Amino acid sequence: MRRRHFIRLLGSAAAWPLAARAQGNGATLRRIGLFTSVAAEDPVTQIRLAAFRHELERLGWAEGRNTAIDQRFGAGRSDLYPSVAKELVALKPDVILAHSTLIATALQRETQSIPIVFVEVSDPIGAGLVASLARPGGNLTGVLLYEAGIIGKWLALLKEIAPSLSRVALIGNPKTTPFDYWRRGAEAAAPSLGIALRPAPIENAAAAIERVIESFASEPNGGLVVLPDPTTGGHRDLLVALAARLRLPAVYPFRAFVAAGGLMTYGTDQADIYRLAATYVDRILRGAKPADLPVQAPTRYETVVNAKTAKALGIDVPPTLLVRADEVIE
């Protein structure tokens, strides 16, 4: 708790001298709140936020000149999101960037007037964040992470790389991801692929995750679909290690899992999502209303295969998949 408190204070303190310099130069300072569910030191987080800042600067918003950014990092502590959201809203930023459904929801409870741009949210209608994708209708809009239909693509990739596959576990924490949203999409796609779906909800604890996956692996011909979820992201290395030890082919939601040794991913370019979000922050700072800005769909997807992991699992990656892949990790 002390360390987290220090990180939060550091995010606020870093903005103070920037604000002072901007005001001293006679510029009109605009404040941007930023609340992400992961840790500040996570390399993936740093890449995302660098893309966000770079795009803002390209659009004319530079920290220290005409903007200050108040940062908060949840580091997986969803129990603290409501209090951190209240704290951030109290600073009265002009707009807030909200990462994940839980954080967007916590902020929505605190304000119906401050514009909020969300990222990495898959079911904003089901979560009650927007009235519709075309016309959000309130003070929130943003960029989708995935549409439910993508889970059919994940199942098809697993079947393609491991044709003997007959069972797939759906790995995610219902408290931190819209599990039923993903389950419904998977149930629609699984029968045509000859796959028996096994919903496998997990908790945010390493021992509990191990029990769930080890139990599933006790029968043959199984594979994993790891859902986009702050919990799975926080246990990325554990999930990759379990899949390797239990010899389970798995498809992951982001490239970072594959770079860490996971088998493959078909997913959004997360840096691009943050660049898209920056364009909405720019438009809001220039007077646009979130209610009038349609929720955007991602524009860039990538297929990444880890050939070394495939070899360790005894899998021969089909040449057609290798040709389609945007990246093959050797």
C-alpha atoms as a PDB file:
ATOM      1  CA  MET A   1       0.000   0.000   0.000  1.00  0.00           C
ATOM      2  CA  ARG A   2       2.812   2.435   0.829  1.00  0.00           C
ATOM      3  CA  ARG A   3       4.496   1.776  -2.491  1.00  0.00           C
ATOM      4  CA  ARG A   4       1.246   2.217  -4.391  1.00  0.00           C
ATOM      5  CA  HIS A   5       0.520   5.438  -2.525  1.00  0.00           C
ATOM      6  CA  PHE A   6       3.941   6.719  -3.503  1.00  0.00           C
ATOM      7  CA  ILE A   7       3.313   5.915  -7.184  1.00  0.00           C
ATOM      8  CA  ARG A   8       0.004   7.779  -7.064  1.00  0.00           C
ATOM      9  CA  LEU A   9       1.579  10.805  -5.422  1.00  0.00           C
ATOM     10  CA  LEU A  10       4.408  10.732  -7.924  1.00  0.00           C
ATOM     11  CA  GLY A  11       1.901  10.886 -10.767  1.00  0.00           C
ATOM     12  CA  SER A  12       0.313  13.978  -9.263  1.00  0.00           C
ATOM     13  CA  ALA A  13       3.561  15.650  -8.236  1.00  0.00           C
ATOM     14  CA  ALA A  14       5.034  15.207 -11.696  1.00  0.00           C
ATOM     15  CA  ALA A  15       2.257  17.374 -13.107  1.00  0.00           C
ATOM     16  CA  TRP A  16       2.764  20.288 -10.667  1.00  0.00           C
ATOM     17  CA  PRO A  17       5.994  21.753 -12.068  1.00  0.00           C
ATOM     18  CA  LEU A  18       4.666  21.230 -15.592  1.00  0.00           C
ATOM     19  CA  ALA A  19       1.529  23.151 -14.711  1.00  0.00           C
ATOM     20  CA  ALA A  20       3.528  25.949 -13.150  1.00  0.00           C
ATOM     21  CA  ARG A  21       5.719  26.314 -16.228  1.00  0.00           C
ATOM     22  CA  ALA A  22       2.749  26.288 -18.582  1.00  0.00           C
ATOM     23  CA  GLN A  23       0.876  28.921 -16.594  1.00  0.00           C
ATOM     24  CA  GLY A  24       4.021  30.984 -16.268  1.00  0.00           C
ATOM     25  CA  ASN A  25       4.350  31.013 -20.052  1.00  0.00           C
ATOM     26  CA  GLY A  26       0.817  32.347 -20.408  1.00  0.00           C
ATOM     27  CA  ALA A  27      -0.505  29.160 -22.033  1.00  0.00           C
ATOM     28  CA  THR A  28      -3.981  27.823 -21.298  1.00  0.00           C
ATOM     29  CA  LEU A  29      -3.365  24.624 -19.392  1.00  0.00           C
ATOM     30  CA  ARG A  30      -5.671  21.652 -20.039  1.00  0.00           C
ATOM     31  CA  ARG A  31      -5.624  18.783 -17.546  1.00  0.00           C
ATOM     32  CA  ILE A  32      -5.888  15.158 -18.616  1.00  0.00           C
ATOM     33  CA  GLY A  33      -6.609  12.434 -16.071  1.00  0.00           C
ATOM     34  CA  LEU A  34      -5.218   8.971 -16.796  1.00  0.00           C
ATOM     35  CA  PHE A  35      -6.215   5.854 -14.873  1.00  0.00           C
ATOM     36  CA  THR A  36      -4.909   2.430 -15.909  1.00  0.00           C
ATOM     37  CA  SER A  37      -5.458  -0.914 -14.186  1.00  0.00           C
ATOM     38  CA  VAL A  38      -1.885  -2.166 -14.513  1.00  0.00           C
ATOM     39  CA  ALA A  39       1.383  -1.273 -12.818  1.00  0.00           C
ATOM     40  CA  ALA A  40       3.410   1.764 -13.823  1.00  0.00           C
ATOM     41  CA  GLU A  41       6.553  -0.299 -14.341  1.00  0.00           C
ATOM     42  CA  ASP A  42       4.923  -2.837 -16.688  1.00  0.00           C
ATOM     43  CA  PRO A  43       6.768  -2.594 -20.051  1.00  0.00           C
ATOM     44  CA  VAL A  44       3.536  -2.991 -22.017  1.00  0.00           C
ATOM     45  CA  THR A  45       1.983  -0.134 -20.053  1.00  0.00           C
ATOM     46  CA  GLN A  46       4.946   2.073 -20.883  1.00  0.00           C
ATOM     47  CA  ILE A  47       4.591   1.322 -24.616  1.00  0.00           C
ATOM     48  CA  ARG A  48       0.849   2.095 -24.559  1.00  0.00           C
ATOM     49  CA  LEU A  49       1.242   5.382 -22.715  1.00  0.00           C
ATOM     50  CA  ALA A  50       4.181   6.443 -24.866  1.00  0.00           C
ATOM     51  CA  ALA A  51       1.986   5.948 -27.953  1.00  0.00           C
ATOM     52  CA  PHE A  52      -0.790   7.985 -26.308  1.00  0.00           C
ATOM     53  CA  ARG A  53       1.539  10.849 -25.426  1.00  0.00           C
ATOM     54  CA  HIS A  54       3.253  10.832 -28.815  1.00  0.00           C
ATOM     55  CA  GLU A  55      -0.081  11.086 -30.630  1.00  0.00           C
ATOM     56  CA  LEU A  56      -1.260  13.867 -28.330  1.00  0.00           C
ATOM     57  CA  GLU A  57       1.914  15.793 -29.044  1.00  0.00           C
ATOM     58  CA  ARG A  58       1.474  15.254 -32.777  1.00  0.00           C
ATOM     59  CA  LEU A  59      -2.003  16.744 -32.400  1.00  0.00           C
ATOM     60  CA  GLY A  60      -0.625  19.805 -30.615  1.00  0.00           C
ATOM     61  CA  TRP A  61      -0.884  18.849 -26.921  1.00  0.00           C
ATOM     62  CA  ALA A  62       2.478  18.820 -25.160  1.00  0.00           C
ATOM     63  CA  GLU A  63       3.021  18.282 -21.439  1.00  0.00           C
ATOM     64  CA  GLY A  64       4.490  21.363 -19.859  1.00  0.00           C
ATOM     65  CA  ARG A  65       3.296  23.654 -22.618  1.00  0.00           C
ATOM     66  CA  ASN A  66      -0.480  23.369 -22.752  1.00  0.00           C
ATOM     67  CA  THR A  67      -1.335  20.132 -20.901  1.00  0.00           C
ATOM     68  CA  ALA A  68      -0.662  18.362 -17.612  1.00  0.00           C
ATOM     69  CA  ILE A  69      -1.411  14.685 -17.070  1.00  0.00           C
ATOM     70  CA  ASP A  70      -2.487  13.332 -13.670  1.00  0.00           C
ATOM     71  CA  GLN A  71      -1.682   9.597 -13.648  1.00  0.00           C
ATOM     72  CA  ARG A  72      -3.025   6.779 -11.510  1.00  0.00           C
ATOM     73  CA  PHE A  73      -1.965   3.118 -11.729  1.00  0.00           C
ATOM     74  CA  GLY A  74      -4.290   0.476 -10.300  1.00  0.00           C
ATOM     75  CA  ALA A  75      -1.695  -2.334 -10.319  1.00  0.00           C
ATOM     76  CA  GLY A  76      -4.479  -4.931 -10.260  1.00  0.00           C
ATOM     77  CA  ARG A  77      -6.026  -3.669  -6.990  1.00  0.00           C
ATOM     78  CA  SER A  78      -9.620  -3.437  -8.184  1.00  0.00           C
ATOM     79  CA  ASP A  79     -10.829  -2.972  -4.594  1.00  0.00           C
ATOM     80  CA  LEU A  80      -9.130   0.437  -4.644  1.00  0.00           C
ATOM     81  CA  TYR A  81     -10.543   1.625  -7.971  1.00  0.00           C
ATOM     82  CA  PRO A  82     -13.566   3.468  -6.481  1.00  0.00           C
ATOM     83  CA  SER A  83     -11.455   5.548  -4.078  1.00  0.00           C
ATOM     84  CA  VAL A  84      -8.843   6.323  -6.735  1.00  0.00           C
ATOM     85  CA  ALA A  85     -11.594   7.292  -9.199  1.00  0.00           C
ATOM     86  CA  LYS A  86     -13.060   9.681  -6.610  1.00  0.00           C
ATOM     87  CA  GLU A  87      -9.628  11.193  -6.028  1.00  0.00           C
ATOM     88  CA  LEU A  88      -8.985  11.686  -9.748  1.00  0.00           C
ATOM     89  CA  VAL A  89     -12.407  13.217 -10.427  1.00  0.00           C
ATOM     90  CA  ALA A  90     -11.852  15.649  -7.531  1.00  0.00           C
ATOM     91  CA  LEU A  91      -8.923  17.127  -9.499  1.00  0.00           C
ATOM     92  CA  LYS A  92     -11.484  18.254 -12.123  1.00  0.00           C
ATOM     93  CA  PRO A  93      -9.565  17.287 -15.263  1.00  0.00           C
ATOM     94  CA  ASP A  94     -10.903  18.361 -18.648  1.00  0.00           C
ATOM     95  CA  VAL A  95     -11.006  14.741 -19.822  1.00  0.00           C
ATOM     96  CA  ILE A  96     -10.029  11.336 -18.401  1.00  0.00           C
ATOM     97  CA  LEU A  97      -8.503   8.340 -20.187  1.00  0.00           C
ATOM     98  CA  ALA A  98      -9.857   5.168 -18.529  1.00  0.00           C
ATOM     99  CA  HIS A  99      -8.262   1.760 -19.066  1.00  0.00           C
ATOM    100  CA  SER A 100     -10.562  -1.263 -18.602  1.00  0.00           C
ATOM    101  CA  THR A 101     -14.257  -1.763 -17.889  1.00  0.00           C
ATOM    102  CA  LEU A 102     -13.890  -1.693 -14.116  1.00  0.00           C
ATOM    103  CA  ILE A 103     -12.053   1.623 -14.121  1.00  0.00           C
ATOM    104  CA  ALA A 104     -14.454   3.215 -16.614  1.00  0.00           C
ATOM    105  CA  THR A 105     -17.366   2.063 -14.433  1.00  0.00           C
ATOM    106  CA  ALA A 106     -15.755   3.420 -11.259  1.00  0.00           C
ATOM    107  CA  LEU A 107     -15.238   6.801 -12.931  1.00  0.00           C
ATOM    108  CA  GLN A 108     -18.768   6.819 -14.358  1.00  0.00           C
ATOM    109  CA  ARG A 109     -20.137   6.491 -10.824  1.00  0.00           C
ATOM    110  CA  GLU A 110     -18.187   9.585  -9.771  1.00  0.00           C
ATOM    111  CA  THR A 111     -19.041  11.953 -12.617  1.00  0.00           C
ATOM    112  CA  GLN A 112     -21.645  12.428 -15.303  1.00  0.00           C
ATOM    113  CA  SER A 113     -20.073  15.665 -16.530  1.00  0.00           C
ATOM    114  CA  ILE A 114     -16.326  15.129 -17.022  1.00  0.00           C
ATOM    115  CA  PRO A 115     -15.703  13.501 -20.437  1.00  0.00           C
ATOM    116  CA  ILE A 116     -14.226   9.991 -20.218  1.00  0.00           C
ATOM    117  CA  VAL A 117     -12.476   8.180 -23.074  1.00  0.00           C
ATOM    118  CA  PHE A 118     -12.178   4.447 -22.386  1.00  0.00           C
ATOM    119  CA  VAL A 119      -9.765   1.923 -23.856  1.00  0.00           C
ATOM    120  CA  GLU A 120      -9.578  -1.891 -23.639  1.00  0.00           C
ATOM    121  CA  VAL A 121     -13.314  -2.272 -23.057  1.00  0.00           C
ATOM    122  CA  SER A 122     -15.021  -5.054 -25.011  1.00  0.00           C
ATOM    123  CA  ASP A 123     -18.699  -4.768 -24.056  1.00  0.00           C
ATOM    124  CA  PRO A 124     -19.442  -1.110 -23.244  1.00  0.00           C
ATOM    125  CA  ILE A 125     -23.182  -1.534 -23.892  1.00  0.00           C
ATOM    126  CA  GLY A 126     -23.462  -4.557 -21.598  1.00  0.00           C
ATOM    127  CA  ALA A 127     -21.438  -2.727 -18.940  1.00  0.00           C
ATOM    128  CA  GLY A 128     -23.805   0.247 -19.119  1.00  0.00           C
ATOM    129  CA  LEU A 129     -21.090   2.657 -20.226  1.00  0.00           C
ATOM    130  CA  VAL A 130     -22.827   3.743 -23.447  1.00  0.00           C
ATOM    131  CA  ALA A 131     -26.346   3.587 -24.867  1.00  0.00           C
ATOM    132  CA  SER A 132     -25.098   2.417 -28.262  1.00  0.00           C
ATOM    133  CA  LEU A 133     -21.838   2.254 -30.171  1.00  0.00           C
ATOM    134  CA  ALA A 134     -23.022   4.778 -32.765  1.00  0.00           C
ATOM    135  CA  ARG A 135     -24.387   7.298 -30.254  1.00  0.00           C
ATOM    136  CA  PRO A 136     -22.930   6.774 -26.778  1.00  0.00           C
ATOM    137  CA  GLY A 137     -25.335   9.298 -25.284  1.00  0.00           C
ATOM    138  CA  GLY A 138     -23.528  10.197 -22.059  1.00  0.00           C
ATOM    139  CA  ASN A 139     -20.122  11.411 -20.949  1.00  0.00           C
ATOM    140  CA  LEU A 140     -18.250   8.284 -22.082  1.00  0.00           C
ATOM    141  CA  THR A 141     -16.951   7.066 -25.410  1.00  0.00           C
ATOM    142  CA  GLY A 142     -13.773   5.348 -26.517  1.00  0.00           C
ATOM    143  CA  VAL A 143     -12.137   2.506 -28.394  1.00  0.00           C
ATOM    144  CA  LEU A 144     -13.266  -1.125 -28.280  1.00  0.00           C
ATOM    145  CA  LEU A 145     -10.723  -3.757 -27.400  1.00  0.00           C
ATOM    146  CA  TYR A 146     -12.448  -6.670 -29.164  1.00  0.00           C
ATOM    147  CA  GLU A 147     -15.859  -7.569 -30.468  1.00  0.00           C
ATOM    148  CA  ALA A 148     -17.321 -10.866 -29.215  1.00  0.00           C
ATOM    149  CA  GLY A 149     -16.958 -12.514 -32.630  1.00  0.00           C
ATOM    150  CA  ILE A 150     -13.169 -12.536 -32.375  1.00  0.00           C
ATOM    151  CA  ILE A 151     -13.351 -15.508 -30.048  1.00  0.00           C
ATOM    152  CA  GLY A 152     -14.395 -17.637 -33.023  1.00  0.00           C
ATOM    153  CA  LYS A 153     -11.114 -16.642 -34.662  1.00  0.00           C
ATOM    154  CA  TRP A 154      -9.178 -17.689 -31.553  1.00  0.00           C
ATOM    155  CA  LEU A 155     -10.866 -21.099 -31.476  1.00  0.00           C
ATOM    156  CA  ALA A 156     -10.271 -21.605 -35.196  1.00  0.00           C
ATOM    157  CA  LEU A 157      -6.568 -20.777 -34.773  1.00  0.00           C
ATOM    158  CA  LEU A 158      -6.244 -23.347 -31.995  1.00  0.00           C
ATOM    159  CA  LYS A 159      -7.913 -26.005 -34.137  1.00  0.00           C
ATOM    160  CA  GLU A 160      -5.686 -25.106 -37.076  1.00  0.00           C
ATOM    161  CA  ILE A 161      -2.445 -25.392 -35.135  1.00  0.00           C
ATOM    162  CA  ALA A 162      -3.576 -28.455 -33.114  1.00  0.00           C
ATOM    163  CA  PRO A 163      -6.081 -30.452 -35.248  1.00  0.00           C
ATOM    164  CA  SER A 164      -6.530 -33.154 -32.577  1.00  0.00           C
ATOM    165  CA  LEU A 165      -7.853 -30.559 -30.151  1.00  0.00           C
ATOM    166  CA  SER A 166     -11.310 -31.463 -28.819  1.00  0.00           C
ATOM    167  CA  ARG A 167     -11.627 -29.435 -25.582  1.00  0.00           C
ATOM    168  CA  VAL A 168     -10.918 -25.772 -24.891  1.00  0.00           C
ATOM    169  CA  ALA A 169     -10.900 -24.010 -21.536  1.00  0.00           C
ATOM    170  CA  LEU A 170     -11.978 -20.378 -21.458  1.00  0.00           C
ATOM    171  CA  ILE A 171      -9.672 -18.674 -18.953  1.00  0.00           C
ATOM    172  CA  GLY A 172     -10.716 -15.390 -17.332  1.00  0.00           C
ATOM    173  CA  ASN A 173     -11.832 -13.747 -14.111  1.00  0.00           C
ATOM    174  CA  PRO A 174     -15.573 -12.890 -14.129  1.00  0.00           C
ATOM    175  CA  LYS A 175     -14.852 -10.055 -11.697  1.00  0.00           C
ATOM    176  CA  THR A 176     -12.473  -8.294 -14.087  1.00  0.00           C
ATOM    177  CA  THR A 177     -13.648  -9.273 -17.588  1.00  0.00           C
ATOM    178  CA  PRO A 178     -17.147  -9.684 -19.121  1.00  0.00           C
ATOM    179  CA  PHE A 179     -16.888 -13.477 -18.910  1.00  0.00           C
ATOM    180  CA  ASP A 180     -20.444 -14.239 -20.065  1.00  0.00           C
ATOM    181  CA  TYR A 181     -19.960 -11.973 -23.092  1.00  0.00           C
ATOM    182  CA  TRP A 182     -16.978 -14.085 -24.152  1.00  0.00           C
ATOM    183  CA  ARG A 183     -18.655 -17.361 -23.232  1.00  0.00           C
ATOM    184  CA  ARG A 184     -21.643 -16.635 -25.472  1.00  0.00           C
ATOM    185  CA  GLY A 185     -19.368 -15.883 -28.425  1.00  0.00           C
ATOM    186  CA  ALA A 186     -17.370 -19.059 -27.806  1.00  0.00           C
ATOM    187  CA  GLU A 187     -20.473 -21.233 -27.488  1.00  0.00           C
ATOM    188  CA  ALA A 188     -21.682 -19.980 -30.860  1.00  0.00           C
ATOM    189  CA  ALA A 189     -18.409 -20.857 -32.599  1.00  0.00           C
ATOM    190  CA  ALA A 190     -17.221 -24.034 -30.857  1.00  0.00           C
ATOM    191  CA  PRO A 191     -19.659 -26.670 -32.239  1.00  0.00           C
ATOM    192  CA  SER A 192     -18.768 -26.064 -35.908  1.00  0.00           C
ATOM    193  CA  LEU A 193     -15.099 -26.644 -35.023  1.00  0.00           C
ATOM    194  CA  GLY A 194     -15.758 -29.891 -33.162  1.00  0.00           C
ATOM    195  CA  ILE A 195     -14.691 -28.314 -29.871  1.00  0.00           C
ATOM    196  CA  ALA A 196     -16.263 -28.889 -26.472  1.00  0.00           C
ATOM    197  CA  LEU A 197     -16.097 -25.617 -24.567  1.00  0.00           C
ATOM    198  CA  ARG A 198     -15.152 -25.633 -20.893  1.00  0.00           C
ATOM    199  CA  PRO A 199     -15.688 -22.267 -19.149  1.00  0.00           C
ATOM    200  CA  ALA A 200     -12.880 -22.028 -16.582  1.00  0.00           C
ATOM    201  CA  PRO A 201     -13.350 -18.951 -14.385  1.00  0.00           C
ATOM    202  CA  ILE A 202     -10.337 -18.015 -12.297  1.00  0.00           C
ATOM    203  CA  GLU A 203      -9.613 -15.781  -9.324  1.00  0.00           C
ATOM    204  CA  ASN A 204      -6.831 -13.250  -8.916  1.00  0.00           C
ATOM    205  CA  ALA A 205      -4.537 -15.653  -7.040  1.00  0.00           C
ATOM    206  CA  ALA A 206      -1.724 -17.770  -8.450  1.00  0.00           C
ATOM    207  CA  ALA A 207      -2.642 -20.923  -6.496  1.00  0.00           C
ATOM    208  CA  ALA A 208      -6.280 -20.740  -7.646  1.00  0.00           C
ATOM    209  CA  ILE A 209      -5.231 -20.284 -11.272  1.00  0.00           C
ATOM    210  CA  GLU A 210      -2.932 -23.300 -11.059  1.00  0.00           C
ATOM    211  CA  ARG A 211      -5.712 -25.487  -9.644  1.00  0.00           C
ATOM    212  CA  VAL A 212      -8.147 -24.572 -12.420  1.00  0.00           C
ATOM    213  CA  ILE A 213      -5.697 -25.205 -15.267  1.00  0.00           C
ATOM    214  CA  GLU A 214      -4.167 -28.342 -13.763  1.00  0.00           C
ATOM    215  CA  SER A 215      -7.649 -29.813 -13.312  1.00  0.00           C
ATOM    216  CA  PHE A 216      -8.508 -29.093 -16.935  1.00  0.00           C
ATOM    217  CA  ALA A 217      -5.206 -30.600 -18.144  1.00  0.00           C
ATOM    218  CA  SER A 218      -5.937 -33.927 -16.435  1.00  0.00           C
ATOM    219  CA  GLU A 219      -7.762 -35.038 -19.602  1.00  0.00           C
ATOM    220  CA  PRO A 220      -6.194 -35.187 -23.090  1.00  0.00           C
ATOM    221  CA  ASN A 221      -6.607 -33.070 -26.241  1.00  0.00           C
ATOM    222  CA  GLY A 222      -7.151 -29.805 -24.413  1.00  0.00           C
ATOM    223  CA  GLY A 223      -6.213 -26.239 -25.211  1.00  0.00           C
ATOM    224  CA  LEU A 224      -6.652 -22.783 -23.719  1.00  0.00           C
ATOM    225  CA  VAL A 225      -8.183 -19.499 -24.807  1.00  0.00           C
ATOM    226  CA  VAL A 226      -6.857 -16.838 -22.428  1.00  0.00           C
ATOM    227  CA  LEU A 227      -9.234 -13.877 -22.323  1.00  0.00           C
ATOM    228  CA  PRO A 228      -8.254 -10.198 -22.336  1.00  0.00           C
ATOM    229  CA  ASP A 229      -8.504  -9.397 -18.658  1.00  0.00           C
ATOM    230  CA  PRO A 230      -6.489  -7.432 -16.072  1.00  0.00           C
ATOM    231  CA  THR A 231      -6.233 -10.665 -14.070  1.00  0.00           C
ATOM    232  CA  THR A 232      -4.786 -12.738 -16.911  1.00  0.00           C
ATOM    233  CA  GLY A 233      -2.521  -9.831 -17.818  1.00  0.00           C
ATOM    234  CA  GLY A 234      -1.261  -9.608 -14.261  1.00  0.00           C
ATOM    235  CA  HIS A 235      -0.502 -13.357 -14.248  1.00  0.00           C
ATOM    236  CA  ARG A 236       0.920 -13.438 -17.778  1.00  0.00           C
ATOM    237  CA  ASP A 237       4.126 -15.307 -16.927  1.00  0.00           C
ATOM    238  CA  LEU A 238       2.308 -17.841 -14.759  1.00  0.00           C
ATOM    239  CA  LEU A 239      -0.219 -18.665 -17.494  1.00  0.00           C
ATOM    240  CA  VAL A 240       2.517 -19.083 -20.104  1.00  0.00           C
ATOM    241  CA  ALA A 241       4.523 -21.307 -17.741  1.00  0.00           C
ATOM    242  CA  LEU A 242       1.493 -23.483 -16.912  1.00  0.00           C
ATOM    243  CA  ALA A 243       0.635 -23.968 -20.588  1.00  0.00           C
ATOM    244  CA  ALA A 244       4.235 -25.042 -21.260  1.00  0.00           C
ATOM    245  CA  ARG A 245       4.476 -27.384 -18.277  1.00  0.00           C
ATOM    246  CA  LEU A 246       1.107 -29.016 -18.927  1.00  0.00           C
ATOM    247  CA  ARG A 247       1.703 -29.086 -22.701  1.00  0.00           C
ATOM    248  CA  LEU A 248      -1.443 -27.165 -23.556  1.00  0.00           C
ATOM    249  CA  PRO A 249      -1.627 -25.246 -26.837  1.00  0.00           C
ATOM    250  CA  ALA A 250      -2.987 -21.799 -26.058  1.00  0.00           C
ATOM    251  CA  VAL A 251      -4.044 -18.642 -27.842  1.00  0.00           C
ATOM    252  CA  TYR A 252      -3.575 -15.355 -26.032  1.00  0.00           C
ATOM    253  CA  PRO A 253      -5.185 -11.914 -26.418  1.00  0.00           C
ATOM    254  CA  PHE A 254      -1.983  -9.874 -26.800  1.00  0.00           C
ATOM    255  CA  ARG A 255       1.495 -10.100 -28.299  1.00  0.00           C
ATOM    256  CA  ALA A 256       3.118  -9.661 -24.867  1.00  0.00           C
ATOM    257  CA  PHE A 257       2.042 -13.202 -23.917  1.00  0.00           C
ATOM    258  CA  VAL A 258       3.723 -14.648 -27.008  1.00  0.00           C
ATOM    259  CA  ALA A 259       6.873 -12.613 -26.455  1.00  0.00           C
ATOM    260  CA  ALA A 260       6.943 -14.152 -22.953  1.00  0.00           C
ATOM    261  CA  GLY A 261       6.819 -17.681 -24.429  1.00  0.00           C
ATOM    262  CA  GLY A 262       3.146 -18.200 -25.239  1.00  0.00           C
ATOM    263  CA  LEU A 263       2.209 -20.093 -28.398  1.00  0.00           C
ATOM    264  CA  MET A 264       0.276 -17.539 -30.470  1.00  0.00           C
ATOM    265  CA  THR A 265      -2.014 -14.548 -30.608  1.00  0.00           C
ATOM    266  CA  TYR A 266      -4.393 -12.866 -32.961  1.00  0.00           C
ATOM    267  CA  GLY A 267      -5.037  -9.520 -31.421  1.00  0.00           C
ATOM    268  CA  THR A 268      -5.278  -5.793 -31.587  1.00  0.00           C
ATOM    269  CA  ASP A 269      -2.260  -3.539 -31.766  1.00  0.00           C
ATOM    270  CA  GLN A 270      -2.562  -1.976 -28.311  1.00  0.00           C
ATOM    271  CA  ALA A 271      -0.346   0.995 -29.108  1.00  0.00           C
ATOM    272  CA  ASP A 272      -2.699   1.803 -31.991  1.00  0.00           C
ATOM    273  CA  ILE A 273      -5.700   1.697 -29.629  1.00  0.00           C
ATOM    274  CA  TYR A 274      -4.049   4.340 -27.457  1.00  0.00           C
ATOM    275  CA  ARG A 275      -3.278   6.459 -30.504  1.00  0.00           C
ATOM    276  CA  LEU A 276      -6.943   6.286 -31.488  1.00  0.00           C
ATOM    277  CA  ALA A 277      -7.937   7.256 -27.949  1.00  0.00           C
ATOM    278  CA  ALA A 278      -5.626  10.254 -28.151  1.00  0.00           C
ATOM    279  CA  THR A 279      -7.547  11.516 -31.198  1.00  0.00           C
ATOM    280  CA  TYR A 280     -10.746  11.497 -29.129  1.00  0.00           C
ATOM    281  CA  VAL A 281      -9.041  13.272 -26.225  1.00  0.00           C
ATOM    282  CA  ASP A 282      -7.892  15.885 -28.756  1.00  0.00           C
ATOM    283  CA  ARG A 283     -11.407  16.356 -30.149  1.00  0.00           C
ATOM    284  CA  ILE A 284     -12.911  16.668 -26.665  1.00  0.00           C
ATOM    285  CA  LEU A 285     -10.308  19.241 -25.631  1.00  0.00           C
ATOM    286  CA  ARG A 286     -11.330  21.184 -28.734  1.00  0.00           C
ATOM    287  CA  GLY A 287     -15.009  21.143 -27.813  1.00  0.00           C
ATOM    288  CA  ALA A 288     -16.516  17.826 -28.986  1.00  0.00           C
ATOM    289  CA  LYS A 289     -18.955  15.961 -26.714  1.00  0.00           C
ATOM    290  CA  PRO A 290     -18.466  12.251 -25.910  1.00  0.00           C
ATOM    291  CA  ALA A 291     -22.172  11.665 -26.567  1.00  0.00           C
ATOM    292  CA  ASP A 292     -21.601  12.563 -30.222  1.00  0.00           C
ATOM    293  CA  LEU A 293     -18.417  10.549 -30.764  1.00  0.00           C
ATOM    294  CA  PRO A 294     -19.125   6.938 -31.868  1.00  0.00           C
ATOM    295  CA  VAL A 295     -17.265   4.179 -30.079  1.00  0.00           C
ATOM    296  CA  GLN A 296     -14.393   3.228 -32.385  1.00  0.00           C
ATOM    297  CA  ALA A 297     -13.390  -0.285 -33.397  1.00  0.00           C
ATOM    298  CA  PRO A 298      -9.693  -1.205 -33.531  1.00  0.00           C
ATOM    299  CA  THR A 299      -8.091  -0.783 -36.928  1.00  0.00           C
ATOM    300  CA  ARG A 300      -4.975  -2.933 -36.650  1.00  0.00           C
ATOM    301  CA  TYR A 301      -4.711  -6.628 -35.832  1.00  0.00           C
ATOM    302  CA  GLU A 302      -1.660  -8.869 -35.741  1.00  0.00           C
ATOM    303  CA  THR A 303      -1.028 -12.613 -35.793  1.00  0.00           C
ATOM    304  CA  VAL A 304       2.092 -13.665 -33.894  1.00  0.00           C
ATOM    305  CA  VAL A 305       3.358 -17.249 -33.568  1.00  0.00           C
ATOM    306  CA  ASN A 306       6.141 -18.462 -31.294  1.00  0.00           C
ATOM    307  CA  ALA A 307       7.856 -21.192 -33.344  1.00  0.00           C
ATOM    308  CA  LYS A 308      10.143 -22.134 -30.465  1.00  0.00           C
ATOM    309  CA  THR A 309       7.179 -22.809 -28.191  1.00  0.00           C
ATOM    310  CA  ALA A 310       5.417 -24.788 -30.913  1.00  0.00           C
ATOM    311  CA  LYS A 311       8.479 -27.009 -31.269  1.00  0.00           C
ATOM    312  CA  ALA A 312       8.647 -27.571 -27.507  1.00  0.00           C
ATOM    313  CA  LEU A 313       4.992 -28.665 -27.570  1.00  0.00           C
ATOM    314  CA  GLY A 314       5.628 -31.018 -30.487  1.00  0.00           C
ATOM    315  CA  ILE A 315       3.457 -28.930 -32.811  1.00  0.00           C
ATOM    316  CA  ASP A 316       4.187 -28.526 -36.504  1.00  0.00           C
ATOM    317  CA  VAL A 317       2.898 -25.076 -37.375  1.00  0.00           C
ATOM    318  CA  PRO A 318       0.968 -25.281 -40.689  1.00  0.00           C
ATOM    319  CA  PRO A 319       2.800 -23.441 -43.488  1.00  0.00           C
ATOM    320  CA  THR A 320      -0.387 -21.516 -44.296  1.00  0.00           C
ATOM    321  CA  LEU A 321      -0.409 -20.105 -40.759  1.00  0.00           C
ATOM    322  CA  LEU A 322       3.262 -19.158 -40.951  1.00  0.00           C
ATOM    323  CA  VAL A 323       2.622 -17.300 -44.200  1.00  0.00           C
ATOM    324  CA  ARG A 324      -0.307 -15.382 -42.679  1.00  0.00           C
ATOM    325  CA  ALA A 325       1.538 -14.468 -39.486  1.00  0.00           C
ATOM    326  CA  ASP A 326       2.686 -10.887 -39.108  1.00  0.00           C
ATOM    327  CA  GLU A 327       5.530 -12.106 -36.914  1.00  0.00           C
ATOM    328  CA  VAL A 328       7.124 -15.471 -36.172  1.00  0.00           C
ATOM    329  CA  ILE A 329       9.247 -15.580 -33.029  1.00  0.00           C
ATOM    330  CA  GLU A 330      12.136 -18.000 -33.465  1.00  0.00           C
END
